Every structure is written in C-alpha cells, then in structure tokens.
Amino acid sequence: MRRRIEAARWDPLTGLLTRDSFTERAGRAVARGQSAVYLVDLDRFKQINDTHGHAAGDAVLTVTSERLRSWGLVNNRIVGRFGGDEFVAATRVRDRAELERLCDGLVRSLTRPVPFEGRLLQVGASVGAVAVYASEAPDLSALLRRADEAMYVAKEAGGGHFVTEGITPIRATVNGRRAGRRGTHGAGPEGSTV
C-alpha cells in the first residue's frame, strides 16, 4: 500500500511530481509568501507527436522534464507535470526582475532542440508566471488560474514566450523585429527540423 501511495506522487514517464503532489508541496511554499507559480505548455508538441510518432513525443517530454528539473535544482524549486505537455513549477522570488530572469532562463532552456533518432526536434515553450508577495494572501488555486491565463497569452502571441502577471509577452528579437514575425529569418537553430 505504501508503495502505491509513493508511486502516485511521481509521474511515471518524467519522474516529476504529479498534480496532487505538486499542489500539496507548492501550497505550503506559496503560503510563506514571496513565491511564484509557473505554468508551462509546450509549443508544437502535437505536431511532433503527429509527424514523428509517440516515441518522439515521449522523448520531448522526458528531455523537457530533465531540463525543468535542472532549472529547478537551484533554490529548491518545486517542479511537476500536470499531464500531457503541461508542466508546473513554484519558486521563491524576491521581485519582478528576478521573476523575469527566471522565466527567461526557463524558456531558453526548454526551447533548445531535442535530439531524437538523428534529428533535432524543434520544440518551444509558452510560460505564464504569477508572483505573490508577503503583503498578499496567497491562494495556490487562484495563482494557478492566473498563471494559466498568462500562459495562454504567451501561446496566442506565437509561443516561445513568457508572460508574467498579464504583461506584454517578452520575446527575443531577430533583425530588430520580434522573433516569429515576417522578416525574422534565421531565428531557429541551425539543423533543426520539425
């Protein structure tokens, strides 16, 4: 019985916390204040699955979880998988500048190509992040909803972005223009395919 309970805490494919385990741990962390919640949704995941098969999709999920776990090792960040291609994290954060720095590092890490059977699969990540400071009364459910809304703003802007607390998506520029728009040739890594 104890083994079953322990197994239910961890996602079998990625080894990350499950939704319930994440919610339990992150709820305690957020209650202490000065925290941020991040919701991550992979861009082009369905296309990779449909084009290259489920083994490629599983490889993307596994590599994503490894990258998220590495990002999470610093400052005891809590990371989990909510299901499908949706991941979640909670961290301590002092201010908005730190939140944006953490988001930028996360997006950069998750948007590197994933090697699979001699190919490089180009995957992106849309991240929504919401911070709570000591003066606020934190509620994890409300923070997750706000992070979800911010993540969808990032996704609607074309993916490969992060949005913090509903601000304008922050994207890299190429040739002086926002990446992903016309005239931004060369934005993708060389040798990548989807």
N, C-alpha and C. Protein backbone atom coordinates (compact mmCIF):
# COMPACT_ATOMS: atom_id res chain seq x y z
N MET A 1 0.83 -1.20 0.00
CA MET A 1 0.00 0.00 0.00
C MET A 1 0.87 1.26 0.00
N ARG A 2 1.90 1.25 0.84
CA ARG A 2 2.79 2.41 0.92
C ARG A 2 3.48 2.68 -0.42
N ARG A 3 3.85 1.60 -1.12
CA ARG A 3 4.49 1.74 -2.43
C ARG A 3 3.56 2.39 -3.44
N ARG A 4 2.29 2.02 -3.40
CA ARG A 4 1.30 2.61 -4.31
C ARG A 4 1.14 4.10 -4.05
N ILE A 5 1.08 4.45 -2.78
CA ILE A 5 0.94 5.86 -2.42
C ILE A 5 2.15 6.64 -2.91
N GLU A 6 3.34 6.10 -2.68
CA GLU A 6 4.57 6.77 -3.12
C GLU A 6 4.62 6.87 -4.64
N ALA A 7 4.20 5.81 -5.35
CA ALA A 7 4.20 5.83 -6.82
C ALA A 7 3.23 6.87 -7.36
N ALA A 8 2.14 7.10 -6.66
CA ALA A 8 1.14 8.08 -7.11
C ALA A 8 1.65 9.51 -7.00
N ARG A 9 2.72 9.73 -6.29
CA ARG A 9 3.27 11.08 -6.12
C ARG A 9 4.14 11.51 -7.30
N TRP A 10 4.59 10.55 -8.09
CA TRP A 10 5.55 10.83 -9.15
C TRP A 10 5.00 10.40 -10.50
N ASP A 11 5.15 11.25 -11.50
CA ASP A 11 4.72 10.93 -12.85
C ASP A 11 5.60 9.81 -13.40
N PRO A 12 5.01 8.71 -13.91
CA PRO A 12 5.82 7.57 -14.33
C PRO A 12 6.74 7.83 -15.52
N LEU A 13 6.36 8.71 -16.45
CA LEU A 13 7.20 8.97 -17.62
C LEU A 13 8.34 9.92 -17.30
N THR A 14 8.04 10.99 -16.58
CA THR A 14 9.03 12.06 -16.38
C THR A 14 9.73 12.02 -15.03
N GLY A 15 9.14 11.35 -14.06
CA GLY A 15 9.71 11.35 -12.72
C GLY A 15 9.46 12.62 -11.94
N LEU A 16 8.66 13.54 -12.50
CA LEU A 16 8.31 14.78 -11.80
C LEU A 16 7.11 14.54 -10.90
N LEU A 17 6.85 15.48 -10.01
CA LEU A 17 5.68 15.38 -9.14
C LEU A 17 4.39 15.36 -9.97
N THR A 18 3.40 14.62 -9.50
CA THR A 18 2.08 14.64 -10.12
C THR A 18 1.34 15.90 -9.67
N ARG A 19 0.19 16.14 -10.27
CA ARG A 19 -0.62 17.31 -9.93
C ARG A 19 -0.89 17.39 -8.43
N ASP A 20 -1.38 16.30 -7.85
CA ASP A 20 -1.73 16.33 -6.42
C ASP A 20 -0.51 16.57 -5.54
N SER A 21 0.60 15.90 -5.85
CA SER A 21 1.81 16.08 -5.05
C SER A 21 2.36 17.50 -5.18
N PHE A 22 2.35 18.01 -6.41
CA PHE A 22 2.81 19.39 -6.62
C PHE A 22 1.94 20.35 -5.83
N THR A 23 0.62 20.19 -5.94
CA THR A 23 -0.31 21.10 -5.28
C THR A 23 -0.09 21.11 -3.77
N GLU A 24 0.14 19.94 -3.21
CA GLU A 24 0.39 19.84 -1.77
C GLU A 24 1.66 20.60 -1.38
N ARG A 25 2.75 20.33 -2.07
CA ARG A 25 4.04 20.96 -1.73
C ARG A 25 4.07 22.45 -2.07
N ALA A 26 3.57 22.79 -3.24
CA ALA A 26 3.59 24.20 -3.66
C ALA A 26 2.66 25.03 -2.79
N GLY A 27 1.54 24.45 -2.37
CA GLY A 27 0.61 25.17 -1.49
C GLY A 27 1.29 25.63 -0.22
N ARG A 28 2.10 24.75 0.36
CA ARG A 28 2.85 25.12 1.58
C ARG A 28 3.88 26.20 1.28
N ALA A 29 4.58 26.07 0.15
CA ALA A 29 5.62 27.04 -0.20
C ALA A 29 5.02 28.42 -0.47
N VAL A 30 3.93 28.45 -1.22
CA VAL A 30 3.29 29.72 -1.58
C VAL A 30 2.72 30.41 -0.34
N ALA A 31 2.25 29.65 0.61
CA ALA A 31 1.68 30.22 1.84
C ALA A 31 2.70 31.06 2.60
N ARG A 32 3.98 30.80 2.38
CA ARG A 32 5.03 31.57 3.06
C ARG A 32 5.29 32.91 2.38
N GLY A 33 4.68 33.14 1.22
CA GLY A 33 4.86 34.41 0.51
C GLY A 33 6.14 34.44 -0.30
N GLN A 34 6.34 35.54 -1.00
CA GLN A 34 7.50 35.75 -1.88
C GLN A 34 7.76 34.53 -2.75
N SER A 35 6.73 34.09 -3.44
CA SER A 35 6.82 32.92 -4.31
C SER A 35 6.24 33.23 -5.67
N ALA A 36 6.57 32.39 -6.62
CA ALA A 36 5.99 32.49 -7.96
C ALA A 36 5.55 31.11 -8.41
N VAL A 37 4.49 31.09 -9.21
CA VAL A 37 3.98 29.86 -9.81
C VAL A 37 4.12 30.02 -11.31
N TYR A 38 4.61 28.98 -11.97
CA TYR A 38 4.86 28.98 -13.41
C TYR A 38 4.07 27.84 -14.04
N LEU A 39 3.38 28.13 -15.12
CA LEU A 39 2.70 27.09 -15.89
C LEU A 39 3.34 27.06 -17.27
N VAL A 40 3.75 25.88 -17.70
CA VAL A 40 4.48 25.70 -18.96
C VAL A 40 3.68 24.80 -19.88
N ASP A 41 3.49 25.23 -21.12
CA ASP A 41 2.85 24.40 -22.13
C ASP A 41 3.78 24.37 -23.33
N LEU A 42 4.06 23.16 -23.82
CA LEU A 42 4.99 23.03 -24.94
C LEU A 42 4.33 23.45 -26.25
N ASP A 43 5.09 24.16 -27.07
CA ASP A 43 4.63 24.58 -28.39
C ASP A 43 5.05 23.51 -29.41
N ARG A 44 4.21 23.23 -30.35
CA ARG A 44 4.46 22.27 -31.44
C ARG A 44 4.52 20.82 -30.97
N PHE A 45 4.08 20.54 -29.75
CA PHE A 45 4.15 19.17 -29.25
C PHE A 45 3.25 18.24 -30.06
N LYS A 46 2.03 18.66 -30.33
CA LYS A 46 1.10 17.81 -31.10
C LYS A 46 1.66 17.55 -32.49
N GLN A 47 2.24 18.56 -33.11
CA GLN A 47 2.83 18.40 -34.44
C GLN A 47 3.97 17.38 -34.40
N ILE A 48 4.81 17.44 -33.38
CA ILE A 48 5.90 16.48 -33.24
C ILE A 48 5.34 15.08 -33.07
N ASN A 49 4.34 14.92 -32.21
CA ASN A 49 3.71 13.62 -31.98
C ASN A 49 3.10 13.08 -33.28
N ASP A 50 2.38 13.93 -34.00
CA ASP A 50 1.71 13.50 -35.23
C ASP A 50 2.71 13.18 -36.35
N THR A 51 3.78 13.95 -36.44
CA THR A 51 4.75 13.78 -37.52
C THR A 51 5.75 12.66 -37.25
N HIS A 52 6.26 12.60 -36.03
CA HIS A 52 7.35 11.67 -35.71
C HIS A 52 6.93 10.51 -34.82
N GLY A 53 5.71 10.51 -34.33
CA GLY A 53 5.22 9.40 -33.52
C GLY A 53 5.31 9.65 -32.03
N HIS A 54 4.66 8.76 -31.28
CA HIS A 54 4.59 8.92 -29.83
C HIS A 54 5.94 8.75 -29.14
N ALA A 55 6.83 7.95 -29.73
CA ALA A 55 8.17 7.80 -29.14
C ALA A 55 8.89 9.15 -29.15
N ALA A 56 8.72 9.91 -30.23
CA ALA A 56 9.33 11.25 -30.30
C ALA A 56 8.69 12.16 -29.26
N GLY A 57 7.36 12.08 -29.13
CA GLY A 57 6.66 12.88 -28.12
C GLY A 57 7.14 12.55 -26.72
N ASP A 58 7.31 11.25 -26.44
CA ASP A 58 7.82 10.84 -25.12
C ASP A 58 9.24 11.35 -24.90
N ALA A 59 10.06 11.34 -25.96
CA ALA A 59 11.43 11.86 -25.84
C ALA A 59 11.40 13.35 -25.50
N VAL A 60 10.50 14.10 -26.14
CA VAL A 60 10.38 15.53 -25.86
C VAL A 60 9.95 15.74 -24.41
N LEU A 61 8.97 14.96 -23.94
CA LEU A 61 8.51 15.10 -22.56
C LEU A 61 9.62 14.75 -21.57
N THR A 62 10.38 13.71 -21.87
CA THR A 62 11.46 13.30 -20.98
C THR A 62 12.56 14.35 -20.92
N VAL A 63 12.98 14.86 -22.07
CA VAL A 63 14.02 15.90 -22.11
C VAL A 63 13.52 17.18 -21.44
N THR A 64 12.26 17.52 -21.69
CA THR A 64 11.68 18.71 -21.05
C THR A 64 11.72 18.57 -19.54
N SER A 65 11.35 17.39 -19.05
CA SER A 65 11.35 17.19 -17.59
C SER A 65 12.76 17.27 -17.03
N GLU A 66 13.76 16.75 -17.77
CA GLU A 66 15.15 16.84 -17.31
C GLU A 66 15.60 18.30 -17.25
N ARG A 67 15.24 19.06 -18.26
CA ARG A 67 15.62 20.48 -18.29
C ARG A 67 14.90 21.26 -17.19
N LEU A 68 13.64 20.95 -16.99
CA LEU A 68 12.88 21.61 -15.93
C LEU A 68 13.45 21.25 -14.56
N ARG A 69 13.81 19.98 -14.38
CA ARG A 69 14.39 19.54 -13.11
C ARG A 69 15.72 20.24 -12.87
N SER A 70 16.57 20.36 -13.91
CA SER A 70 17.85 21.07 -13.77
C SER A 70 17.63 22.52 -13.40
N TRP A 71 16.68 23.17 -14.07
CA TRP A 71 16.34 24.56 -13.75
C TRP A 71 15.84 24.64 -12.31
N GLY A 72 15.13 23.63 -11.88
CA GLY A 72 14.55 23.63 -10.55
C GLY A 72 15.50 23.28 -9.42
N LEU A 73 16.68 22.76 -9.74
CA LEU A 73 17.61 22.38 -8.68
C LEU A 73 18.13 23.59 -7.90
N VAL A 74 18.20 24.72 -8.57
CA VAL A 74 18.67 25.94 -7.91
C VAL A 74 17.54 26.47 -7.02
N ASN A 75 17.86 26.84 -5.81
CA ASN A 75 16.90 27.43 -4.87
C ASN A 75 15.71 26.53 -4.53
N ASN A 76 15.89 25.23 -4.60
CA ASN A 76 14.85 24.27 -4.19
C ASN A 76 13.50 24.54 -4.85
N ARG A 77 13.49 24.71 -6.14
CA ARG A 77 12.24 24.92 -6.85
C ARG A 77 11.46 23.62 -6.90
N ILE A 78 10.16 23.74 -6.85
CA ILE A 78 9.26 22.58 -6.90
C ILE A 78 8.76 22.46 -8.34
N VAL A 79 8.95 21.30 -8.96
CA VAL A 79 8.53 21.12 -10.35
C VAL A 79 7.64 19.89 -10.49
N GLY A 80 6.70 19.95 -11.43
CA GLY A 80 5.79 18.84 -11.64
C GLY A 80 5.24 18.81 -13.05
N ARG A 81 4.52 17.75 -13.32
CA ARG A 81 3.83 17.61 -14.61
C ARG A 81 2.35 17.47 -14.31
N PHE A 82 1.56 18.33 -14.93
CA PHE A 82 0.11 18.28 -14.73
C PHE A 82 -0.54 17.29 -15.68
N GLY A 83 0.15 16.87 -16.71
CA GLY A 83 -0.39 15.93 -17.68
C GLY A 83 -0.12 16.41 -19.08
N GLY A 84 -0.18 15.50 -20.04
CA GLY A 84 0.08 15.87 -21.43
C GLY A 84 1.40 16.60 -21.54
N ASP A 85 1.38 17.77 -22.17
CA ASP A 85 2.60 18.57 -22.33
C ASP A 85 2.55 19.82 -21.45
N GLU A 86 1.89 19.69 -20.30
CA GLU A 86 1.75 20.82 -19.38
C GLU A 86 2.55 20.55 -18.10
N PHE A 87 3.45 21.47 -17.80
CA PHE A 87 4.32 21.36 -16.64
C PHE A 87 4.09 22.56 -15.73
N VAL A 88 4.55 22.43 -14.49
CA VAL A 88 4.30 23.47 -13.50
C VAL A 88 5.50 23.57 -12.56
N ALA A 89 5.71 24.76 -12.02
CA ALA A 89 6.81 24.96 -11.07
C ALA A 89 6.41 26.04 -10.07
N ALA A 90 7.08 26.01 -8.93
CA ALA A 90 6.93 27.06 -7.91
C ALA A 90 8.32 27.38 -7.39
N THR A 91 8.60 28.67 -7.18
CA THR A 91 9.90 29.09 -6.70
C THR A 91 9.75 30.21 -5.68
N ARG A 92 10.81 30.46 -4.97
CA ARG A 92 10.92 31.68 -4.17
C ARG A 92 11.32 32.78 -5.14
N VAL A 93 10.80 33.96 -4.94
CA VAL A 93 11.15 35.08 -5.81
C VAL A 93 11.08 36.37 -5.00
N ARG A 94 12.09 37.22 -5.15
CA ARG A 94 12.15 38.46 -4.37
C ARG A 94 11.39 39.61 -5.03
N ASP A 95 11.51 39.69 -6.36
CA ASP A 95 10.91 40.84 -7.05
C ASP A 95 10.64 40.49 -8.51
N ARG A 96 10.06 41.43 -9.19
CA ARG A 96 9.67 41.23 -10.60
C ARG A 96 10.88 40.96 -11.49
N ALA A 97 11.98 41.64 -11.25
CA ALA A 97 13.18 41.43 -12.06
C ALA A 97 13.66 39.99 -11.94
N GLU A 98 13.64 39.46 -10.73
CA GLU A 98 14.05 38.06 -10.55
C GLU A 98 13.07 37.12 -11.24
N LEU A 99 11.78 37.41 -11.14
CA LEU A 99 10.77 36.58 -11.80
C LEU A 99 11.02 36.54 -13.31
N GLU A 100 11.28 37.69 -13.91
CA GLU A 100 11.52 37.74 -15.35
C GLU A 100 12.82 37.03 -15.72
N ARG A 101 13.84 37.15 -14.88
CA ARG A 101 15.10 36.45 -15.13
C ARG A 101 14.89 34.94 -15.09
N LEU A 102 14.13 34.46 -14.10
CA LEU A 102 13.86 33.03 -14.00
C LEU A 102 13.04 32.53 -15.19
N CYS A 103 12.05 33.31 -15.60
CA CYS A 103 11.23 32.93 -16.77
C CYS A 103 12.07 32.87 -18.03
N ASP A 104 12.93 33.87 -18.21
CA ASP A 104 13.78 33.90 -19.40
C ASP A 104 14.67 32.66 -19.44
N GLY A 105 15.28 32.33 -18.31
CA GLY A 105 16.13 31.13 -18.25
C GLY A 105 15.35 29.86 -18.53
N LEU A 106 14.13 29.80 -18.03
CA LEU A 106 13.29 28.62 -18.25
C LEU A 106 12.94 28.47 -19.73
N VAL A 107 12.48 29.55 -20.35
CA VAL A 107 12.12 29.48 -21.77
C VAL A 107 13.33 29.13 -22.62
N ARG A 108 14.47 29.74 -22.34
CA ARG A 108 15.69 29.43 -23.11
C ARG A 108 16.06 27.96 -22.98
N SER A 109 15.95 27.42 -21.79
CA SER A 109 16.27 26.02 -21.56
C SER A 109 15.33 25.09 -22.31
N LEU A 110 14.04 25.39 -22.24
CA LEU A 110 13.04 24.49 -22.81
C LEU A 110 12.89 24.61 -24.32
N THR A 111 13.42 25.65 -24.93
CA THR A 111 13.26 25.82 -26.37
C THR A 111 14.48 25.34 -27.16
N ARG A 112 15.44 24.75 -26.49
CA ARG A 112 16.56 24.14 -27.22
C ARG A 112 16.05 22.90 -27.95
N PRO A 113 16.58 22.60 -29.14
CA PRO A 113 16.13 21.42 -29.88
C PRO A 113 16.34 20.13 -29.08
N VAL A 114 15.47 19.17 -29.32
CA VAL A 114 15.54 17.87 -28.65
C VAL A 114 16.05 16.84 -29.66
N PRO A 115 17.19 16.18 -29.36
CA PRO A 115 17.69 15.16 -30.28
C PRO A 115 16.80 13.91 -30.22
N PHE A 116 16.49 13.37 -31.41
CA PHE A 116 15.69 12.14 -31.48
C PHE A 116 16.01 11.42 -32.78
N GLU A 117 16.57 10.24 -32.66
CA GLU A 117 16.88 9.37 -33.81
C GLU A 117 17.60 10.12 -34.93
N GLY A 118 18.65 10.84 -34.58
CA GLY A 118 19.46 11.53 -35.57
C GLY A 118 18.89 12.85 -36.06
N ARG A 119 17.76 13.26 -35.53
CA ARG A 119 17.13 14.54 -35.91
C ARG A 119 17.12 15.45 -34.70
N LEU A 120 16.93 16.73 -34.98
CA LEU A 120 16.70 17.69 -33.91
C LEU A 120 15.26 18.16 -34.01
N LEU A 121 14.49 17.90 -32.99
CA LEU A 121 13.09 18.31 -32.96
C LEU A 121 13.01 19.69 -32.32
N GLN A 122 12.46 20.63 -33.06
CA GLN A 122 12.33 22.00 -32.56
C GLN A 122 11.06 22.11 -31.74
N VAL A 123 11.22 22.33 -30.47
CA VAL A 123 10.09 22.48 -29.56
C VAL A 123 10.17 23.85 -28.91
N GLY A 124 9.05 24.40 -28.59
CA GLY A 124 9.02 25.68 -27.90
C GLY A 124 8.28 25.54 -26.59
N ALA A 125 8.24 26.60 -25.84
CA ALA A 125 7.53 26.59 -24.57
C ALA A 125 6.89 27.94 -24.34
N SER A 126 5.64 27.91 -23.94
CA SER A 126 4.93 29.12 -23.53
C SER A 126 4.80 29.05 -22.02
N VAL A 127 5.21 30.11 -21.34
CA VAL A 127 5.23 30.12 -19.88
C VAL A 127 4.41 31.28 -19.36
N GLY A 128 3.54 30.98 -18.42
CA GLY A 128 2.81 32.00 -17.68
C GLY A 128 3.28 31.95 -16.24
N ALA A 129 3.59 33.09 -15.66
CA ALA A 129 4.10 33.13 -14.29
C ALA A 129 3.42 34.23 -13.50
N VAL A 130 3.13 33.92 -12.26
CA VAL A 130 2.49 34.87 -11.35
C VAL A 130 3.22 34.82 -10.02
N ALA A 131 3.56 35.99 -9.50
CA ALA A 131 4.26 36.07 -8.22
C ALA A 131 3.31 36.53 -7.14
N VAL A 132 3.58 36.09 -5.92
CA VAL A 132 2.84 36.54 -4.75
C VAL A 132 3.87 37.06 -3.75
N TYR A 133 3.57 38.22 -3.19
CA TYR A 133 4.50 38.83 -2.25
C TYR A 133 3.90 38.79 -0.86
N ALA A 134 4.70 39.08 0.13
CA ALA A 134 4.30 38.91 1.54
C ALA A 134 3.01 39.64 1.89
N SER A 135 2.73 40.75 1.24
CA SER A 135 1.54 41.53 1.60
C SER A 135 0.24 40.92 1.08
N GLU A 136 0.34 39.97 0.17
CA GLU A 136 -0.85 39.35 -0.40
C GLU A 136 -1.22 38.08 0.36
N ALA A 137 -2.49 37.72 0.29
CA ALA A 137 -2.94 36.46 0.87
C ALA A 137 -2.93 35.42 -0.25
N PRO A 138 -1.92 34.56 -0.30
CA PRO A 138 -1.78 33.65 -1.42
C PRO A 138 -2.79 32.50 -1.40
N ASP A 139 -3.29 32.17 -2.57
CA ASP A 139 -4.15 31.02 -2.75
C ASP A 139 -3.64 30.31 -4.00
N LEU A 140 -3.12 29.10 -3.84
CA LEU A 140 -2.49 28.41 -4.95
C LEU A 140 -3.44 28.23 -6.13
N SER A 141 -4.69 27.90 -5.87
CA SER A 141 -5.65 27.71 -6.97
C SER A 141 -5.79 28.99 -7.80
N ALA A 142 -5.91 30.12 -7.13
CA ALA A 142 -6.03 31.40 -7.84
C ALA A 142 -4.75 31.71 -8.61
N LEU A 143 -3.60 31.44 -8.01
CA LEU A 143 -2.33 31.69 -8.70
C LEU A 143 -2.20 30.80 -9.94
N LEU A 144 -2.61 29.54 -9.83
CA LEU A 144 -2.55 28.65 -10.98
C LEU A 144 -3.47 29.12 -12.10
N ARG A 145 -4.64 29.62 -11.74
CA ARG A 145 -5.56 30.16 -12.77
C ARG A 145 -4.94 31.36 -13.46
N ARG A 146 -4.34 32.26 -12.67
CA ARG A 146 -3.70 33.45 -13.25
C ARG A 146 -2.51 33.06 -14.12
N ALA A 147 -1.73 32.09 -13.66
CA ALA A 147 -0.59 31.62 -14.45
C ALA A 147 -1.07 30.97 -15.75
N ASP A 148 -2.18 30.25 -15.68
CA ASP A 148 -2.77 29.62 -16.86
C ASP A 148 -3.20 30.69 -17.87
N GLU A 149 -3.84 31.74 -17.38
CA GLU A 149 -4.26 32.84 -18.27
C GLU A 149 -3.04 33.50 -18.92
N ALA A 150 -2.00 33.73 -18.13
CA ALA A 150 -0.78 34.34 -18.67
C ALA A 150 -0.12 33.43 -19.70
N MET A 151 -0.15 32.11 -19.43
CA MET A 151 0.44 31.16 -20.36
C MET A 151 -0.30 31.19 -21.70
N TYR A 152 -1.62 31.30 -21.66
CA TYR A 152 -2.38 31.35 -22.91
C TYR A 152 -2.13 32.65 -23.67
N VAL A 153 -1.87 33.74 -22.97
CA VAL A 153 -1.48 34.98 -23.65
C VAL A 153 -0.16 34.76 -24.39
N ALA A 154 0.79 34.10 -23.72
CA ALA A 154 2.08 33.80 -24.35
C ALA A 154 1.88 32.89 -25.56
N LYS A 155 1.04 31.89 -25.44
CA LYS A 155 0.79 30.94 -26.53
C LYS A 155 0.13 31.64 -27.72
N GLU A 156 -0.85 32.50 -27.43
CA GLU A 156 -1.54 33.22 -28.50
C GLU A 156 -0.61 34.18 -29.24
N ALA A 157 0.43 34.62 -28.57
CA ALA A 157 1.39 35.52 -29.20
C ALA A 157 2.37 34.77 -30.10
N GLY A 158 2.19 33.47 -30.22
CA GLY A 158 3.02 32.70 -31.14
C GLY A 158 3.93 31.68 -30.49
N GLY A 159 3.90 31.58 -29.17
CA GLY A 159 4.73 30.60 -28.48
C GLY A 159 6.16 31.07 -28.31
N GLY A 160 6.90 30.31 -27.50
CA GLY A 160 8.29 30.66 -27.23
C GLY A 160 8.44 31.92 -26.41
N HIS A 161 7.42 32.24 -25.62
CA HIS A 161 7.37 33.47 -24.83
C HIS A 161 7.15 33.13 -23.37
N PHE A 162 7.32 34.15 -22.56
CA PHE A 162 6.79 34.08 -21.20
C PHE A 162 6.01 35.35 -20.93
N VAL A 163 4.98 35.21 -20.13
CA VAL A 163 4.16 36.35 -19.72
C VAL A 163 4.09 36.30 -18.21
N THR A 164 4.41 37.42 -17.57
CA THR A 164 4.32 37.49 -16.12
C THR A 164 3.19 38.44 -15.77
N GLU A 165 2.27 37.95 -14.98
CA GLU A 165 1.17 38.74 -14.45
C GLU A 165 0.43 39.55 -15.51
N GLY A 166 0.25 38.97 -16.69
CA GLY A 166 -0.56 39.60 -17.72
C GLY A 166 0.10 40.72 -18.49
N ILE A 167 1.43 40.89 -18.35
CA ILE A 167 2.09 41.94 -19.12
C ILE A 167 2.31 41.47 -20.55
N THR A 168 2.77 42.36 -21.40
CA THR A 168 3.04 42.04 -22.79
C THR A 168 4.06 40.91 -22.87
N PRO A 169 3.86 39.96 -23.79
CA PRO A 169 4.83 38.87 -23.92
C PRO A 169 6.23 39.40 -24.18
N ILE A 170 7.20 38.75 -23.58
CA ILE A 170 8.59 39.14 -23.76
C ILE A 170 9.22 38.12 -24.69
N ARG A 171 9.70 38.60 -25.83
CA ARG A 171 10.26 37.71 -26.84
C ARG A 171 11.61 38.23 -27.27
N ALA A 172 12.40 37.32 -27.75
CA ALA A 172 13.68 37.70 -28.32
C ALA A 172 13.44 38.45 -29.63
N THR A 173 14.40 39.28 -30.02
CA THR A 173 14.28 39.96 -31.31
C THR A 173 15.31 39.40 -32.27
N VAL A 174 14.95 39.41 -33.54
CA VAL A 174 15.84 38.98 -34.61
C VAL A 174 15.78 40.07 -35.66
N ASN A 175 16.93 40.57 -36.07
CA ASN A 175 16.97 41.65 -37.06
C ASN A 175 16.14 42.85 -36.62
N GLY A 176 16.08 43.09 -35.31
CA GLY A 176 15.34 44.23 -34.79
C GLY A 176 13.84 44.03 -34.74
N ARG A 177 13.37 42.83 -35.05
CA ARG A 177 11.93 42.54 -35.02
C ARG A 177 11.67 41.40 -34.06
N ARG A 178 10.47 41.30 -33.60
CA ARG A 178 10.10 40.21 -32.71
C ARG A 178 10.26 38.87 -33.43
N ALA A 179 10.90 37.91 -32.77
CA ALA A 179 11.08 36.58 -33.35
C ALA A 179 9.73 35.98 -33.70
N GLY A 180 9.67 35.32 -34.84
CA GLY A 180 8.43 34.68 -35.26
C GLY A 180 7.63 35.50 -36.25
N ARG A 181 7.92 36.79 -36.37
CA ARG A 181 7.22 37.62 -37.35
C ARG A 181 7.93 37.57 -38.68
N ARG A 182 7.23 38.00 -39.73
CA ARG A 182 7.86 38.07 -41.05
C ARG A 182 9.11 38.93 -40.97
N GLY A 183 10.13 38.51 -41.70
CA GLY A 183 11.38 39.26 -41.71
C GLY A 183 12.34 38.84 -40.62
N THR A 184 12.03 37.75 -39.92
CA THR A 184 12.91 37.30 -38.84
C THR A 184 13.59 35.99 -39.21
N HIS A 185 14.01 35.87 -40.44
CA HIS A 185 14.69 34.66 -40.91
C HIS A 185 15.92 34.41 -40.06
N GLY A 186 16.21 33.14 -39.85
CA GLY A 186 17.38 32.77 -39.07
C GLY A 186 17.11 32.68 -37.59
N ALA A 187 15.84 32.75 -37.18
CA ALA A 187 15.51 32.71 -35.76
C ALA A 187 15.69 31.33 -35.16
N GLY A 188 15.55 30.28 -35.97
CA GLY A 188 15.64 28.91 -35.44
C GLY A 188 17.07 28.40 -35.43
N PRO A 189 17.35 27.42 -34.56
CA PRO A 189 18.69 26.84 -34.52
C PRO A 189 19.00 26.12 -35.83
N GLU A 190 20.25 26.17 -36.24
CA GLU A 190 20.63 25.50 -37.48
C GLU A 190 20.49 24.00 -37.32
N GLY A 191 20.05 23.35 -38.37
CA GLY A 191 19.93 21.90 -38.35
C GLY A 191 18.68 21.39 -37.68
N SER A 192 17.83 22.26 -37.19
CA SER A 192 16.62 21.79 -36.50
C SER A 192 15.55 21.47 -37.52
N THR A 193 14.75 20.48 -37.20
CA THR A 193 13.63 20.12 -38.06
C THR A 193 12.43 19.84 -37.20
N VAL A 194 11.29 19.99 -37.79
CA VAL A 194 10.04 19.59 -37.15
C VAL A 194 9.21 18.87 -38.18
